[in-house]
Amino acid sequence: EAPIAPAVKKGNIELRDWVNTELTKLGEEKYLLKLYDQYVRPELAESTDPNAVIVEGGNWKP
């Protein structure tokens, strides 16, 4: 499976930094885990580890 991630045009540091900040905030709030629990968990096997499916608060490298 390929990961799903937002894209920023190379050199657009202002946007990249903003996205990284927002991803960090969402990770701290466990936002993606909440979405996972609400929409994805019911569709997967009970033994599926959410940490194998989502990554909270990742950062893009320049």
Protein backbone atom coordinates (compact mmCIF):
# COMPACT_ATOMS: atom_id res chain seq x y z
CA GLU A 1 0.00 0.00 0.00
CA ALA A 2 1.22 3.48 -0.82
CA PRO A 3 1.00 6.19 1.83
CA ILE A 4 -1.26 9.17 1.23
CA ALA A 5 0.38 12.53 1.84
CA PRO A 6 -0.08 16.17 0.86
CA ALA A 7 2.34 17.63 -1.67
CA VAL A 8 4.05 21.02 -1.77
CA LYS A 9 5.91 22.42 -4.75
CA LYS A 10 9.67 22.29 -4.24
CA GLY A 11 10.95 25.58 -2.90
CA ASN A 12 7.66 26.64 -1.30
CA ILE A 13 9.17 26.70 2.17
CA GLU A 14 6.45 28.89 3.68
CA LEU A 15 3.72 26.40 2.72
CA ARG A 16 5.85 23.39 3.70
CA ASP A 17 6.49 24.87 7.14
CA TRP A 18 2.80 25.66 7.60
CA VAL A 19 1.81 22.11 6.65
CA ASN A 20 4.42 20.69 9.05
CA THR A 21 3.08 22.88 11.86
CA GLU A 22 -0.49 21.77 11.19
CA LEU A 23 0.54 18.09 11.01
CA THR A 24 2.25 18.46 14.37
CA LYS A 25 -0.86 20.05 15.91
CA LEU A 26 -3.09 17.31 14.48
CA GLY A 27 -0.71 14.69 15.86
CA GLU A 28 -0.84 16.22 19.33
CA GLU A 29 -4.65 16.18 19.18
CA LYS A 30 -4.64 12.56 17.91
CA TYR A 31 -6.94 13.83 15.15
CA LEU A 32 -6.10 11.12 12.63
CA LEU A 33 -6.64 8.43 15.27
CA LYS A 34 -10.09 9.88 15.98
CA LEU A 35 -10.92 9.75 12.27
CA TYR A 36 -9.55 6.22 12.09
CA ASP A 37 -11.76 5.12 15.00
CA GLN A 38 -14.82 6.73 13.47
CA TYR A 39 -14.49 5.73 9.81
CA VAL A 40 -11.80 3.11 9.23
CA ARG A 41 -11.71 0.80 12.26
CA PRO A 42 -15.19 -0.67 11.57
CA GLU A 43 -14.02 -1.73 8.09
CA LEU A 44 -10.85 -3.56 9.21
CA ALA A 45 -10.16 -6.71 11.19
CA GLU A 46 -10.30 -6.28 14.98
CA SER A 47 -6.62 -7.19 15.26
CA THR A 48 -5.51 -4.33 12.96
CA ASP A 49 -3.07 -2.01 14.75
CA PRO A 50 -3.98 1.64 14.04
CA ASN A 51 -0.27 2.53 14.28
CA ALA A 52 0.33 0.34 11.24
CA VAL A 53 -2.24 2.37 9.29
CA ILE A 54 -1.73 6.00 10.35
CA VAL A 55 1.15 8.24 11.37
CA GLU A 56 0.41 11.16 13.66
CA GLY A 57 2.40 14.38 13.47
CA GLY A 58 4.88 13.54 10.71
CA ASN A 59 7.17 16.20 9.21
CA TRP A 60 8.34 16.77 5.67
CA LYS A 61 12.03 17.07 5.00
CA PRO A 62 13.35 19.88 2.76
